[in-house]
């Protein structure tokens, strides 16, 4: 049985845990979110997506 979890959900949980337990300030999280939006629209976005997909497939054993 395979379970699929969105990376967005995983990152959201990680940010929440950092905020709750590691003292991450709200403005730090907002800065990271804005950086992610700008990075997603950059010319590096396709390469980042390909690299993340390859890492996830290597970890999960698919492919």
Protein backbone atom coordinates (compact mmCIF):
# COMPACT_ATOMS: atom_id res chain seq x y z
CA UNK A 1 0.00 0.00 0.00
CA UNK A 2 1.47 3.34 -1.04
CA UNK A 3 0.74 6.59 0.74
CA UNK A 4 1.16 9.83 -1.16
CA UNK A 5 1.82 13.05 0.75
CA UNK A 6 2.13 16.41 -0.95
CA UNK A 7 5.47 18.13 -0.43
CA UNK A 8 3.54 21.34 0.21
CA UNK A 9 1.87 19.63 3.18
CA UNK A 10 5.23 18.33 4.44
CA UNK A 11 6.77 21.80 4.23
CA UNK A 12 3.72 23.34 5.92
CA UNK A 13 4.08 20.93 8.83
CA UNK A 14 7.81 21.67 9.02
CA UNK A 15 7.18 25.42 9.16
CA UNK A 16 4.49 24.96 11.80
CA UNK A 17 6.84 22.81 13.91
CA UNK A 18 9.65 25.36 13.55
CA UNK A 19 7.26 28.12 14.59
CA UNK A 20 5.93 26.13 17.53
CA UNK A 21 9.10 24.53 18.90
CA UNK A 22 12.13 26.38 17.48
CA UNK A 23 11.02 29.97 17.89
CA UNK A 24 10.53 30.76 14.19
CA UNK A 25 9.05 34.23 13.97
CA UNK A 26 6.08 34.90 11.69
CA UNK A 27 8.07 37.38 9.61
CA UNK A 28 10.77 34.73 9.03
CA UNK A 29 8.13 32.34 7.68
CA UNK A 30 6.61 35.07 5.50
CA UNK A 31 10.04 35.90 4.10
CA UNK A 32 10.63 32.24 3.25
CA UNK A 33 7.22 31.96 1.59
CA UNK A 34 7.83 35.06 -0.52
CA UNK A 35 11.26 33.75 -1.48
CA UNK A 36 9.62 30.50 -2.60
CA UNK A 37 7.11 32.35 -4.77
CA UNK A 38 9.82 34.40 -6.45
CA UNK A 39 12.03 31.33 -6.88
CA UNK A 40 9.14 29.45 -8.51
CA UNK A 41 8.88 32.14 -11.18
CA UNK A 42 12.63 32.26 -11.85
CA UNK A 43 14.53 30.48 -14.59
CA UNK A 44 15.80 27.99 -12.00
CA UNK A 45 12.32 26.59 -11.31
CA UNK A 46 12.37 23.74 -13.89
CA UNK A 47 15.78 22.51 -12.72
CA UNK A 48 14.71 22.65 -9.07
CA UNK A 49 11.52 20.70 -9.88
CA UNK A 50 13.51 18.06 -11.78
CA UNK A 51 16.02 17.69 -8.94
CA UNK A 52 13.32 17.42 -6.26
CA UNK A 53 11.43 14.84 -8.34
CA UNK A 54 14.61 12.77 -8.78
CA UNK A 55 15.35 12.89 -5.04
CA UNK A 56 11.79 11.87 -4.11
CA UNK A 57 11.87 9.00 -6.61
CA UNK A 58 15.26 7.85 -5.27
CA UNK A 59 14.02 7.92 -1.67
CA UNK A 60 10.74 6.19 -2.47
CA UNK A 61 12.36 3.59 -4.73
CA UNK A 62 10.27 4.51 -7.76
CA UNK A 63 12.27 4.53 -10.77
